[in-house]
Amino acid sequence: MLLAMTDYPAKTCEIDQLVTHARLVKAALGGTKTQQRRNGVYGYPGETFVLEGVTFEVTDLRRETLGEMTEESARAEGYPGLEMYKDLILRMHKGMEWNGDSKVWVHEFAIQS
């Protein structure tokens, strides 16, 4: 279920910061990355961003816990599986522990047609 724009909190970062790592940009351009989890809101449904000249549109924004992640979710994030996703996230965020109750914002996106 999509929420009305007024039901979302204010952005914590600009949408152009949603997907920045070169490997993940490549995965998005190749269609294998269609989600990005962040602690805050970077973009609202209907909003667009550009990666290497290709326009993407945020198609959904929802709140989930890390514990709700599945193998399919990890693949949508551009990783081969959940264990690799967890490992890389924990290495990127030194001192972070994987807490299944931690809430994140899931930004779903697709290449704009």
PDB file of N, CA and C in Angstrom:
ATOM      1  N   MET A   1       0.845  -1.176   0.000  1.00  0.00           N
ATOM      2  CA  MET A   1       0.000   0.000   0.000  1.00  0.00           C
ATOM      3  C   MET A   1       0.891   1.240   0.000  1.00  0.00           C
ATOM      4  N   LEU A   2       0.670   2.111  -0.962  1.00  0.00           N
ATOM      5  CA  LEU A   2       1.401   3.365  -1.016  1.00  0.00           C
ATOM      6  C   LEU A   2       0.749   4.374  -0.087  1.00  0.00           C
ATOM      7  N   LEU A   3       1.561   5.102   0.637  1.00  0.00           N
ATOM      8  CA  LEU A   3       1.069   6.148   1.524  1.00  0.00           C
ATOM      9  C   LEU A   3       0.998   7.460   0.761  1.00  0.00           C
ATOM     10  N   ALA A   4       0.144   8.350   1.205  1.00  0.00           N
ATOM     11  CA  ALA A   4       0.110   9.689   0.634  1.00  0.00           C
ATOM     12  C   ALA A   4       1.392  10.410   1.012  1.00  0.00           C
ATOM     13  N   MET A   5       1.828  11.345   0.192  1.00  0.00           N
ATOM     14  CA  MET A   5       3.074  12.072   0.459  1.00  0.00           C
ATOM     15  C   MET A   5       3.089  12.666   1.860  1.00  0.00           C
ATOM     16  N   THR A   6       1.956  13.098   2.346  1.00  0.00           N
ATOM     17  CA  THR A   6       1.907  13.722   3.667  1.00  0.00           C
ATOM     18  C   THR A   6       2.069  12.703   4.790  1.00  0.00           C
ATOM     19  N   ASP A   7       1.987  11.400   4.465  1.00  0.00           N
ATOM     20  CA  ASP A   7       2.132  10.356   5.481  1.00  0.00           C
ATOM     21  C   ASP A   7       3.592   9.958   5.706  1.00  0.00           C
ATOM     22  N   TYR A   8       4.496  10.458   4.884  1.00  0.00           N
ATOM     23  CA  TYR A   8       5.914  10.147   5.020  1.00  0.00           C
ATOM     24  C   TYR A   8       6.610  11.235   5.844  1.00  0.00           C
ATOM     25  N   PRO A   9       7.670  10.868   6.538  1.00  0.00           N
ATOM     26  CA  PRO A   9       8.444  11.908   7.242  1.00  0.00           C
ATOM     27  C   PRO A   9       9.255  12.726   6.238  1.00  0.00           C
ATOM     28  N   ALA A  10       9.811  13.810   6.721  1.00  0.00           N
ATOM     29  CA  ALA A  10      10.687  14.639   5.887  1.00  0.00           C
ATOM     30  C   ALA A  10      11.909  13.823   5.480  1.00  0.00           C
ATOM     31  N   LYS A  11      12.475  14.161   4.346  1.00  0.00           N
ATOM     32  CA  LYS A  11      13.689  13.489   3.884  1.00  0.00           C
ATOM     33  C   LYS A  11      14.839  13.763   4.846  1.00  0.00           C
ATOM     34  N   THR A  12      15.703  12.756   4.980  1.00  0.00           N
ATOM     35  CA  THR A  12      16.907  12.909   5.782  1.00  0.00           C
ATOM     36  C   THR A  12      18.128  13.123   4.905  1.00  0.00           C
ATOM     37  N   CYS A  13      17.985  12.881   3.600  1.00  0.00           N
ATOM     38  CA  CYS A  13      19.071  13.038   2.654  1.00  0.00           C
ATOM     39  C   CYS A  13      18.459  13.227   1.267  1.00  0.00           C
ATOM     40  N   GLU A  14      19.229  13.780   0.350  1.00  0.00           N
ATOM     41  CA  GLU A  14      18.731  13.988  -1.003  1.00  0.00           C
ATOM     42  C   GLU A  14      18.720  12.686  -1.789  1.00  0.00           C
ATOM     43  N   ILE A  15      17.810  12.584  -2.734  1.00  0.00           N
ATOM     44  CA  ILE A  15      17.621  11.360  -3.507  1.00  0.00           C
ATOM     45  C   ILE A  15      18.872  10.972  -4.300  1.00  0.00           C
ATOM     46  N   ASP A  16      19.691  11.948  -4.695  1.00  0.00           N
ATOM     47  CA  ASP A  16      20.886  11.609  -5.464  1.00  0.00           C
ATOM     48  C   ASP A  16      21.919  10.849  -4.625  1.00  0.00           C
ATOM     49  N   GLN A  17      21.681  10.710  -3.332  1.00  0.00           N
ATOM     50  CA  GLN A  17      22.553   9.943  -2.447  1.00  0.00           C
ATOM     51  C   GLN A  17      22.013   8.535  -2.167  1.00  0.00           C
ATOM     52  N   LEU A  18      20.893   8.177  -2.814  1.00  0.00           N
ATOM     53  CA  LEU A  18      20.258   6.880  -2.554  1.00  0.00           C
ATOM     54  C   LEU A  18      21.151   5.712  -2.964  1.00  0.00           C
ATOM     55  N   VAL A  19      21.667   5.720  -4.173  1.00  0.00           N
ATOM     56  CA  VAL A  19      22.548   4.658  -4.682  1.00  0.00           C
ATOM     57  C   VAL A  19      23.836   5.329  -5.129  1.00  0.00           C
ATOM     58  N   THR A  20      24.931   5.063  -4.418  1.00  0.00           N
ATOM     59  CA  THR A  20      26.184   5.762  -4.720  1.00  0.00           C
ATOM     60  C   THR A  20      27.377   4.845  -4.970  1.00  0.00           C
ATOM     61  N   HIS A  21      27.410   3.681  -4.376  1.00  0.00           N
ATOM     62  CA  HIS A  21      28.557   2.777  -4.524  1.00  0.00           C
ATOM     63  C   HIS A  21      28.608   2.279  -5.968  1.00  0.00           C
ATOM     64  N   ALA A  22      29.792   2.322  -6.574  1.00  0.00           N
ATOM     65  CA  ALA A  22      29.946   1.979  -7.996  1.00  0.00           C
ATOM     66  C   ALA A  22      29.377   0.606  -8.343  1.00  0.00           C
ATOM     67  N   ARG A  23      29.621  -0.396  -7.508  1.00  0.00           N
ATOM     68  CA  ARG A  23      29.111  -1.748  -7.791  1.00  0.00           C
ATOM     69  C   ARG A  23      27.590  -1.770  -7.771  1.00  0.00           C
ATOM     70  N   LEU A  24      26.998  -1.005  -6.850  1.00  0.00           N
ATOM     71  CA  LEU A  24      25.537  -0.985  -6.740  1.00  0.00           C
ATOM     72  C   LEU A  24      24.906  -0.151  -7.851  1.00  0.00           C
ATOM     73  N   VAL A  25      25.600   0.898  -8.290  1.00  0.00           N
ATOM     74  CA  VAL A  25      25.129   1.665  -9.450  1.00  0.00           C
ATOM     75  C   VAL A  25      25.078   0.739 -10.664  1.00  0.00           C
ATOM     76  N   LYS A  26      26.138  -0.043 -10.854  1.00  0.00           N
ATOM     77  CA  LYS A  26      26.192  -0.988 -11.974  1.00  0.00           C
ATOM     78  C   LYS A  26      25.056  -2.008 -11.876  1.00  0.00           C
ATOM     79  N   ALA A  27      24.774  -2.507 -10.668  1.00  0.00           N
ATOM     80  CA  ALA A  27      23.685  -3.479 -10.481  1.00  0.00           C
ATOM     81  C   ALA A  27      22.332  -2.840 -10.799  1.00  0.00           C
ATOM     82  N   ALA A  28      22.144  -1.579 -10.398  1.00  0.00           N
ATOM     83  CA  ALA A  28      20.882  -0.884 -10.705  1.00  0.00           C
ATOM     84  C   ALA A  28      20.740  -0.709 -12.213  1.00  0.00           C
ATOM     85  N   LEU A  29      21.807  -0.294 -12.864  1.00  0.00           N
ATOM     86  CA  LEU A  29      21.771  -0.112 -14.318  1.00  0.00           C
ATOM     87  C   LEU A  29      21.501  -1.421 -15.041  1.00  0.00           C
ATOM     88  N   GLY A  30      21.966  -2.533 -14.452  1.00  0.00           N
ATOM     89  CA  GLY A  30      21.742  -3.852 -15.038  1.00  0.00           C
ATOM     90  C   GLY A  30      20.404  -4.464 -14.660  1.00  0.00           C
ATOM     91  N   GLY A  31      19.642  -3.788 -13.804  1.00  0.00           N
ATOM     92  CA  GLY A  31      18.315  -4.273 -13.427  1.00  0.00           C
ATOM     93  C   GLY A  31      18.289  -5.279 -12.297  1.00  0.00           C
ATOM     94  N   THR A  32      19.455  -5.574 -11.700  1.00  0.00           N
ATOM     95  CA  THR A  32      19.462  -6.549 -10.603  1.00  0.00           C
ATOM     96  C   THR A  32      19.302  -5.896  -9.237  1.00  0.00           C
ATOM     97  N   LYS A  33      19.484  -4.592  -9.166  1.00  0.00           N
ATOM     98  CA  LYS A  33      19.261  -3.854  -7.913  1.00  0.00           C
ATOM     99  C   LYS A  33      18.012  -3.011  -8.096  1.00  0.00           C
ATOM    100  N   THR A  34      16.992  -3.293  -7.296  1.00  0.00           N
ATOM    101  CA  THR A  34      15.718  -2.579  -7.404  1.00  0.00           C
ATOM    102  C   THR A  34      15.246  -2.040  -6.056  1.00  0.00           C
ATOM    103  N   GLN A  35      16.077  -2.201  -5.023  1.00  0.00           N
ATOM    104  CA  GLN A  35      15.735  -1.712  -3.685  1.00  0.00           C
ATOM    105  C   GLN A  35      16.970  -1.126  -3.022  1.00  0.00           C
ATOM    106  N   GLN A  36      16.722  -0.181  -2.117  1.00  0.00           N
ATOM    107  CA  GLN A  36      17.791   0.357  -1.276  1.00  0.00           C
ATOM    108  C   GLN A  36      17.214   0.623   0.104  1.00  0.00           C
ATOM    109  N   ARG A  37      17.804   0.002   1.113  1.00  0.00           N
ATOM    110  CA  ARG A  37      17.401   0.240   2.494  1.00  0.00           C
ATOM    111  C   ARG A  37      18.269   1.339   3.082  1.00  0.00           C
ATOM    112  N   ARG A  38      17.618   2.257   3.773  1.00  0.00           N
ATOM    113  CA  ARG A  38      18.312   3.350   4.429  1.00  0.00           C
ATOM    114  C   ARG A  38      17.638   3.617   5.768  1.00  0.00           C
ATOM    115  N   ASN A  39      18.385   4.222   6.689  1.00  0.00           N
ATOM    116  CA  ASN A  39      17.818   4.593   7.987  1.00  0.00           C
ATOM    117  C   ASN A  39      16.816   5.720   7.861  1.00  0.00           C
ATOM    118  N   GLY A  40      16.930   6.515   6.819  1.00  0.00           N
ATOM    119  CA  GLY A  40      16.031   7.640   6.619  1.00  0.00           C
ATOM    120  C   GLY A  40      15.411   7.616   5.240  1.00  0.00           C
ATOM    121  N   VAL A  41      14.610   8.614   4.980  1.00  0.00           N
ATOM    122  CA  VAL A  41      13.935   8.741   3.692  1.00  0.00           C
ATOM    123  C   VAL A  41      14.806   9.573   2.752  1.00  0.00           C
ATOM    124  N   TYR A  42      15.095   9.011   1.580  1.00  0.00           N
ATOM    125  CA  TYR A  42      15.901   9.698   0.572  1.00  0.00           C
ATOM    126  C   TYR A  42      15.058  10.123  -0.617  1.00  0.00           C
ATOM    127  N   GLY A  43      13.932   9.464  -0.848  1.00  0.00           N
ATOM    128  CA  GLY A  43      13.079   9.795  -1.979  1.00  0.00           C
ATOM    129  C   GLY A  43      11.679   9.256  -1.774  1.00  0.00           C
ATOM    130  N   TYR A  44      10.730   9.927  -2.385  1.00  0.00           N
ATOM    131  CA  TYR A  44       9.308   9.544  -2.274  1.00  0.00           C
ATOM    132  C   TYR A  44       8.841   8.872  -3.565  1.00  0.00           C
ATOM    133  N   PRO A  45       7.802   8.037  -3.483  1.00  0.00           N
ATOM    134  CA  PRO A  45       7.256   7.433  -4.706  1.00  0.00           C
ATOM    135  C   PRO A  45       6.922   8.512  -5.739  1.00  0.00           C
ATOM    136  N   GLY A  46       7.324   8.230  -6.973  1.00  0.00           N
ATOM    137  CA  GLY A  46       7.121   9.166  -8.069  1.00  0.00           C
ATOM    138  C   GLY A  46       8.317  10.071  -8.310  1.00  0.00           C
ATOM    139  N   GLU A  47       9.207  10.162  -7.344  1.00  0.00           N
ATOM    140  CA  GLU A  47      10.400  10.993  -7.490  1.00  0.00           C
ATOM    141  C   GLU A  47      11.435  10.240  -8.335  1.00  0.00           C
ATOM    142  N   THR A  48      12.230  10.983  -9.097  1.00  0.00           N
ATOM    143  CA  THR A  48      13.217  10.356  -9.965  1.00  0.00           C
ATOM    144  C   THR A  48      14.639  10.744  -9.563  1.00  0.00           C
ATOM    145  N   PHE A  49      15.589   9.898  -9.992  1.00  0.00           N
ATOM    146  CA  PHE A  49      17.006  10.173  -9.826  1.00  0.00           C
ATOM    147  C   PHE A  49      17.724   9.595 -11.036  1.00  0.00           C
ATOM    148  N   VAL A  50      18.930  10.057 -11.295  1.00  0.00           N
ATOM    149  CA  VAL A  50      19.670   9.663 -12.490  1.00  0.00           C
ATOM    150  C   VAL A  50      20.987   9.013 -12.095  1.00  0.00           C
ATOM    151  N   LEU A  51      21.257   7.859 -12.708  1.00  0.00           N
ATOM    152  CA  LEU A  51      22.530   7.157 -12.546  1.00  0.00           C
ATOM    153  C   LEU A  51      23.141   6.989 -13.928  1.00  0.00           C
ATOM    154  N   GLU A  52      24.287   7.603 -14.146  1.00  0.00           N
ATOM    155  CA  GLU A  52      25.007   7.506 -15.422  1.00  0.00           C
ATOM    156  C   GLU A  52      24.090   7.759 -16.615  1.00  0.00           C
ATOM    157  N   GLY A  53      23.256   8.783 -16.521  1.00  0.00           N
ATOM    158  CA  GLY A  53      22.390   9.182 -17.628  1.00  0.00           C
ATOM    159  C   GLY A  53      21.081   8.426 -17.739  1.00  0.00           C
ATOM    160  N   VAL A  54      20.853   7.446 -16.861  1.00  0.00           N
ATOM    161  CA  VAL A  54      19.620   6.655 -16.878  1.00  0.00           C
ATOM    162  C   VAL A  54      18.729   7.126 -15.734  1.00  0.00           C
ATOM    163  N   THR A  55      17.462   7.395 -16.050  1.00  0.00           N
ATOM    164  CA  THR A  55      16.527   7.890 -15.046  1.00  0.00           C
ATOM    165  C   THR A  55      15.790   6.737 -14.384  1.00  0.00           C
ATOM    166  N   PHE A  56      15.767   6.769 -13.049  1.00  0.00           N
ATOM    167  CA  PHE A  56      15.057   5.792 -12.234  1.00  0.00           C
ATOM    168  C   PHE A  56      13.933   6.501 -11.493  1.00  0.00           C
ATOM    169  N   GLU A  57      12.866   5.762 -11.222  1.00  0.00           N
ATOM    170  CA  GLU A  57      11.750   6.311 -10.457  1.00  0.00           C
ATOM    171  C   GLU A  57      11.525   5.482  -9.203  1.00  0.00           C
ATOM    172  N   VAL A  58      11.349   6.154  -8.080  1.00  0.00           N
ATOM    173  CA  VAL A  58      10.992   5.460  -6.840  1.00  0.00           C
ATOM    174  C   VAL A  58       9.547   5.001  -7.003  1.00  0.00           C
ATOM    175  N   THR A  59       9.327   3.693  -6.874  1.00  0.00           N
ATOM    176  CA  THR A  59       7.996   3.127  -7.087  1.00  0.00           C
ATOM    177  C   THR A  59       7.279   2.793  -5.780  1.00  0.00           C
ATOM    178  N   ASP A  60       8.048   2.667  -4.694  1.00  0.00           N
ATOM    179  CA  ASP A  60       7.445   2.346  -3.401  1.00  0.00           C
ATOM    180  C   ASP A  60       8.405   2.783  -2.297  1.00  0.00           C
ATOM    181  N   LEU A  61       7.836   3.135  -1.183  1.00  0.00           N
ATOM    182  CA  LEU A  61       8.600   3.486   0.009  1.00  0.00           C
ATOM    183  C   LEU A  61       7.839   2.930   1.193  1.00  0.00           C
ATOM    184  N   ARG A  62       8.510   2.076   1.963  1.00  0.00           N
ATOM    185  CA  ARG A  62       7.836   1.468   3.105  1.00  0.00           C
ATOM    186  C   ARG A  62       8.820   1.240   4.233  1.00  0.00           C
ATOM    187  N   ARG A  63       8.279   1.053   5.421  1.00  0.00           N
ATOM    188  CA  ARG A  63       9.065   0.818   6.631  1.00  0.00           C
ATOM    189  C   ARG A  63       9.084  -0.684   6.883  1.00  0.00           C
ATOM    190  N   GLU A  64      10.260  -1.245   7.107  1.00  0.00           N
ATOM    191  CA  GLU A  64      10.417  -2.653   7.452  1.00  0.00           C
ATOM    192  C   GLU A  64      11.497  -2.779   8.520  1.00  0.00           C
ATOM    193  N   THR A  65      11.553  -3.953   9.132  1.00  0.00           N
ATOM    194  CA  THR A  65      12.656  -4.235  10.046  1.00  0.00           C
ATOM    195  C   THR A  65      13.714  -5.040   9.297  1.00  0.00           C
ATOM    196  N   LEU A  66      14.944  -4.992   9.792  1.00  0.00           N
ATOM    197  CA  LEU A  66      15.993  -5.809   9.184  1.00  0.00           C
ATOM    198  C   LEU A  66      15.641  -7.292   9.262  1.00  0.00           C
ATOM    199  N   GLY A  67      14.913  -7.685  10.311  1.00  0.00           N
ATOM    200  CA  GLY A  67      14.518  -9.080  10.474  1.00  0.00           C
ATOM    201  C   GLY A  67      13.538  -9.563   9.410  1.00  0.00           C
ATOM    202  N   GLU A  68      12.891  -8.640   8.726  1.00  0.00           N
ATOM    203  CA  GLU A  68      11.958  -9.014   7.656  1.00  0.00           C
ATOM    204  C   GLU A  68      12.665  -9.287   6.336  1.00  0.00           C
ATOM    205  N   MET A  69      13.964  -9.003   6.274  1.00  0.00           N
ATOM    206  CA  MET A  69      14.705  -9.246   5.032  1.00  0.00           C
ATOM    207  C   MET A  69      14.743 -10.728   4.708  1.00  0.00           C
ATOM    208  N   THR A  70      14.661 -11.022   3.433  1.00  0.00           N
ATOM    209  CA  THR A  70      14.714 -12.391   2.923  1.00  0.00           C
ATOM    210  C   THR A  70      15.865 -12.503   1.920  1.00  0.00           C
ATOM    211  N   GLU A  71      16.096 -13.705   1.454  1.00  0.00           N
ATOM    212  CA  GLU A  71      17.086 -13.907   0.393  1.00  0.00           C
ATOM    213  C   GLU A  71      16.696 -13.070  -0.831  1.00  0.00           C
ATOM    214  N   GLU A  72      15.412 -13.054  -1.151  1.00  0.00           N
ATOM    215  CA  GLU A  72      14.911 -12.279  -2.291  1.00  0.00           C
ATOM    216  C   GLU A  72      15.166 -10.782  -2.074  1.00  0.00           C
ATOM    217  N   SER A  73      14.960 -10.303  -0.850  1.00  0.00           N
ATOM    218  CA  SER A  73      15.224  -8.893  -0.536  1.00  0.00           C
ATOM    219  C   SER A  73      16.695  -8.559  -0.766  1.00  0.00           C
ATOM    220  N   ALA A  74      17.583  -9.435  -0.317  1.00  0.00           N
ATOM    221  CA  ALA A  74      19.019  -9.202  -0.485  1.00  0.00           C
ATOM    222  C   ALA A  74      19.387  -9.149  -1.965  1.00  0.00           C
ATOM    223  N   ARG A  75      18.785 -10.028  -2.765  1.00  0.00           N
ATOM    224  CA  ARG A  75      19.052  -9.997  -4.207  1.00  0.00           C
ATOM    225  C   ARG A  75      18.532  -8.694  -4.821  1.00  0.00           C
ATOM    226  N   ALA A  76      17.375  -8.212  -4.356  1.00  0.00           N
ATOM    227  CA  ALA A  76      16.831  -6.943  -4.851  1.00  0.00           C
ATOM    228  C   ALA A  76      17.721  -5.768  -4.444  1.00  0.00           C
ATOM    229  N   GLU A  77      18.531  -5.964  -3.403  1.00  0.00           N
ATOM    230  CA  GLU A  77      19.505  -4.952  -2.973  1.00  0.00           C
ATOM    231  C   GLU A  77      20.787  -5.020  -3.815  1.00  0.00           C
ATOM    232  N   GLY A  78      20.891  -6.041  -4.667  1.00  0.00           N
ATOM    233  CA  GLY A  78      22.056  -6.181  -5.526  1.00  0.00           C
ATOM    234  C   GLY A  78      23.110  -7.137  -5.015  1.00  0.00           C
ATOM    235  N   TYR A  79      22.757  -7.965  -4.035  1.00  0.00           N
ATOM    236  CA  TYR A  79      23.687  -8.926  -3.441  1.00  0.00           C
ATOM    237  C   TYR A  79      23.227 -10.347  -3.761  1.00  0.00           C
ATOM    238  N   PRO A  80      24.148 -11.319  -3.782  1.00  0.00           N
ATOM    239  CA  PRO A  80      23.765 -12.695  -4.109  1.00  0.00           C
ATOM    240  C   PRO A  80      22.917 -13.378  -3.033  1.00  0.00           C
ATOM    241  N   GLY A  81      22.995 -12.915  -1.796  1.00  0.00           N
ATOM    242  CA  GLY A  81      22.228 -13.541  -0.726  1.00  0.00           C
ATOM    243  C   GLY A  81      22.267 -12.713   0.538  1.00  0.00           C
ATOM    244  N   LEU A  82      21.456 -13.121   1.505  1.00  0.00           N
ATOM    245  CA  LEU A  82      21.293 -12.368   2.737  1.00  0.00           C
ATOM    246  C   LEU A  82      22.565 -12.332   3.581  1.00  0.00           C
ATOM    247  N   GLU A  83      23.290 -13.432   3.667  1.00  0.00           N
ATOM    248  CA  GLU A  83      24.510 -13.453   4.485  1.00  0.00           C
ATOM    249  C   GLU A  83      25.555 -12.481   3.952  1.00  0.00           C
ATOM    250  N   MET A  84      25.704 -12.416   2.622  1.00  0.00           N
ATOM    251  CA  MET A  84      26.672 -11.482   2.042  1.00  0.00           C
ATOM    252  C   MET A  84      26.213 -10.041   2.287  1.00  0.00           C
ATOM    253  N   TYR A  85      24.925  -9.797   2.172  1.00  0.00           N
ATOM    254  CA  TYR A  85      24.391  -8.450   2.441  1.00  0.00           C
ATOM    255  C   TYR A  85      24.710  -8.050   3.885  1.00  0.00           C
ATOM    256  N   LYS A  86      24.383  -8.929   4.827  1.00  0.00           N
ATOM    257  CA  LYS A  86      24.650  -8.634   6.247  1.00  0.00           C
ATOM    258  C   LYS A  86      26.130  -8.356   6.472  1.00  0.00           C
ATOM    259  N   ASP A  87      26.981  -9.214   5.926  1.00  0.00           N
ATOM    260  CA  ASP A  87      28.423  -9.075   6.111  1.00  0.00           C
ATOM    261  C   ASP A  87      28.923  -7.729   5.593  1.00  0.00           C
ATOM    262  N   LEU A  88      28.520  -7.358   4.398  1.00  0.00           N
ATOM    263  CA  LEU A  88      28.980  -6.103   3.819  1.00  0.00           C
ATOM    264  C   LEU A  88      28.435  -4.895   4.573  1.00  0.00           C
ATOM    265  N   ILE A  89      27.181  -4.944   4.996  1.00  0.00           N
ATOM    266  CA  ILE A  89      26.597  -3.831   5.750  1.00  0.00           C
ATOM    267  C   ILE A  89      27.348  -3.645   7.074  1.00  0.00           C
ATOM    268  N   LEU A  90      27.640  -4.737   7.751  1.00  0.00           N
ATOM    269  CA  LEU A  90      28.345  -4.644   9.036  1.00  0.00           C
ATOM    270  C   LEU A  90      29.781  -4.159   8.855  1.00  0.00           C
ATOM    271  N   ARG A  91      30.414  -4.510   7.730  1.00  0.00           N
ATOM    272  CA  ARG A  91      31.762  -4.004   7.457  1.00  0.00           C
ATOM    273  C   ARG A  91      31.742  -2.530   7.089  1.00  0.00           C
ATOM    274  N   MET A  92      30.692  -2.093   6.401  1.00  0.00           N
ATOM    275  CA  MET A  92      30.580  -0.687   6.005  1.00  0.00           C
ATOM    276  C   MET A  92      30.282   0.215   7.196  1.00  0.00           C
ATOM    277  N   HIS A  93      29.536  -0.310   8.153  1.00  0.00           N
ATOM    278  CA  HIS A  93      29.118   0.474   9.320  1.00  0.00           C
ATOM    279  C   HIS A  93      29.793  -0.093  10.562  1.00  0.00           C
ATOM    280  N   LYS A  94      31.042   0.278  10.762  1.00  0.00           N
ATOM    281  CA  LYS A  94      31.842  -0.226  11.883  1.00  0.00           C
ATOM    282  C   LYS A  94      31.103  -0.025  13.205  1.00  0.00           C
ATOM    283  N   GLY A  95      31.087  -1.059  14.035  1.00  0.00           N
ATOM    284  CA  GLY A  95      30.445  -0.990  15.341  1.00  0.00           C
ATOM    285  C   GLY A  95      28.962  -1.313  15.321  1.00  0.00           C
ATOM    286  N   MET A  96      28.367  -1.410  14.134  1.00  0.00           N
ATOM    287  CA  MET A  96      26.949  -1.743  14.029  1.00  0.00           C
ATOM    288  C   MET A  96      26.747  -3.225  14.307  1.00  0.00           C
ATOM    289  N   GLU A  97      25.673  -3.538  14.970  1.00  0.00           N
ATOM    290  CA  GLU A  97      25.269  -4.931  15.159  1.00  0.00           C
ATOM    291  C   GLU A  97      24.001  -5.159  14.362  1.00  0.00           C
ATOM    292  N   TRP A  98      23.839  -6.358  13.848  1.00  0.00           N
ATOM    293  CA  TRP A  98      22.621  -6.697  13.093  1.00  0.00           C
ATOM    294  C   TRP A  98      21.507  -6.941  14.097  1.00  0.00           C
ATOM    295  N   ASN A  99      20.575  -6.030  14.159  1.00  0.00           N
ATOM    296  CA  ASN A  99      19.438  -6.138  15.072  1.00  0.00           C
ATOM    297  C   ASN A  99      18.185  -6.294  14.216  1.00  0.00           C
ATOM    298  N   GLY A 100      17.570  -7.460  14.281  1.00  0.00           N
ATOM    299  CA  GLY A 100      16.384  -7.752  13.479  1.00  0.00           C
ATOM    300  C   GLY A 100      15.225  -6.816  13.730  1.00  0.00           C
ATOM    301  N   ASP A 101      15.208  -6.144  14.874  1.00  0.00           N
ATOM    302  CA  ASP A 101      14.128  -5.212  15.194  1.00  0.00           C
ATOM    303  C   ASP A 101      14.383  -3.799  14.666  1.00  0.00           C
ATOM    304  N   SER A 102      15.588  -3.536  14.157  1.00  0.00           N
ATOM    305  CA  SER A 102      15.909  -2.203  13.641  1.00  0.00           C
ATOM    306  C   SER A 102      15.047  -1.902  12.423  1.00  0.00           C
ATOM    307  N   LYS A 103      14.436  -0.728  12.445  1.00  0.00           N
ATOM    308  CA  LYS A 103      13.581  -0.326  11.323  1.00  0.00           C
ATOM    309  C   LYS A 103      14.382   0.454  10.299  1.00  0.00           C
ATOM    310  N   VAL A 104      14.073   0.188   9.039  1.00  0.00           N
ATOM    311  CA  VAL A 104      14.698   0.887   7.918  1.00  0.00           C
ATOM    312  C   VAL A 104      13.606   1.275   6.916  1.00  0.00           C
ATOM    313  N   TRP A 105      13.949   2.214   6.055  1.00  0.00           N
ATOM    314  CA  TRP A 105      13.061   2.593   4.956  1.00  0.00           C
ATOM    315  C   TRP A 105      13.511   1.845   3.714  1.00  0.00           C
ATOM    316  N   VAL A 106      12.593   1.135   3.076  1.00  0.00           N
ATOM    317  CA  VAL A 106      12.881   0.415   1.847  1.00  0.00           C
ATOM    318  C   VAL A 106      12.400   1.280   0.678  1.00  0.00           C
ATOM    319  N   HIS A 107      13.350   1.702  -0.136  1.00  0.00           N
ATOM    320  CA  HIS A 107      13.059   2.473  -1.344  1.00  0.00           C
ATOM    321  C   HIS A 107      13.093   1.483  -2.499  1.00  0.00           C
ATOM    322  N   GLU A 108      11.980   1.278  -3.173  1.00  0.00           N
ATOM    323  CA  GLU A 108      11.956   0.438  -4.375  1.00  0.00           C
ATOM    324  C   GLU A 108      11.991   1.377  -5.569  1.00  0.00           C
ATOM    325  N   PHE A 109      12.708   0.959  -6.616  1.00  0.00           N
ATOM    326  CA  PHE A 109      12.837   1.802  -7.796  1.00  0.00           C
ATOM    327  C   PHE A 109      12.967   0.977  -9.051  1.00  0.00           C
ATOM    328  N   ALA A 110      12.729   1.621 -10.174  1.00  0.00           N
ATOM    329  CA  ALA A 110      12.830   0.965 -11.479  1.00  0.00           C
ATOM    330  C   ALA A 110      13.280   1.996 -12.501  1.00  0.00           C
ATOM    331  N   ILE A 111      13.856   1.499 -13.590  1.00  0.00           N
ATOM    332  CA  ILE A 111      14.216   2.388 -14.687  1.00  0.00           C
ATOM    333  C   ILE A 111      12.926   2.983 -15.229  1.00  0.00           C
ATOM    334  N   GLN A 112      12.931   4.297 -15.380  1.00  0.00           N
ATOM    335  CA  GLN A 112      11.733   4.983 -15.854  1.00  0.00           C
ATOM    336  C   GLN A 112      11.547   4.705 -17.339  1.00  0.00           C
ATOM    337  N   SER A 113      10.339   4.329 -17.682  1.00  0.00           N
ATOM    338  CA  SER A 113      10.078   4.013 -19.105  1.00  0.00           C
ATOM    339  C   SER A 113       9.529   5.200 -19.855  1.00  0.00           C
TER     340      SER A 113
END
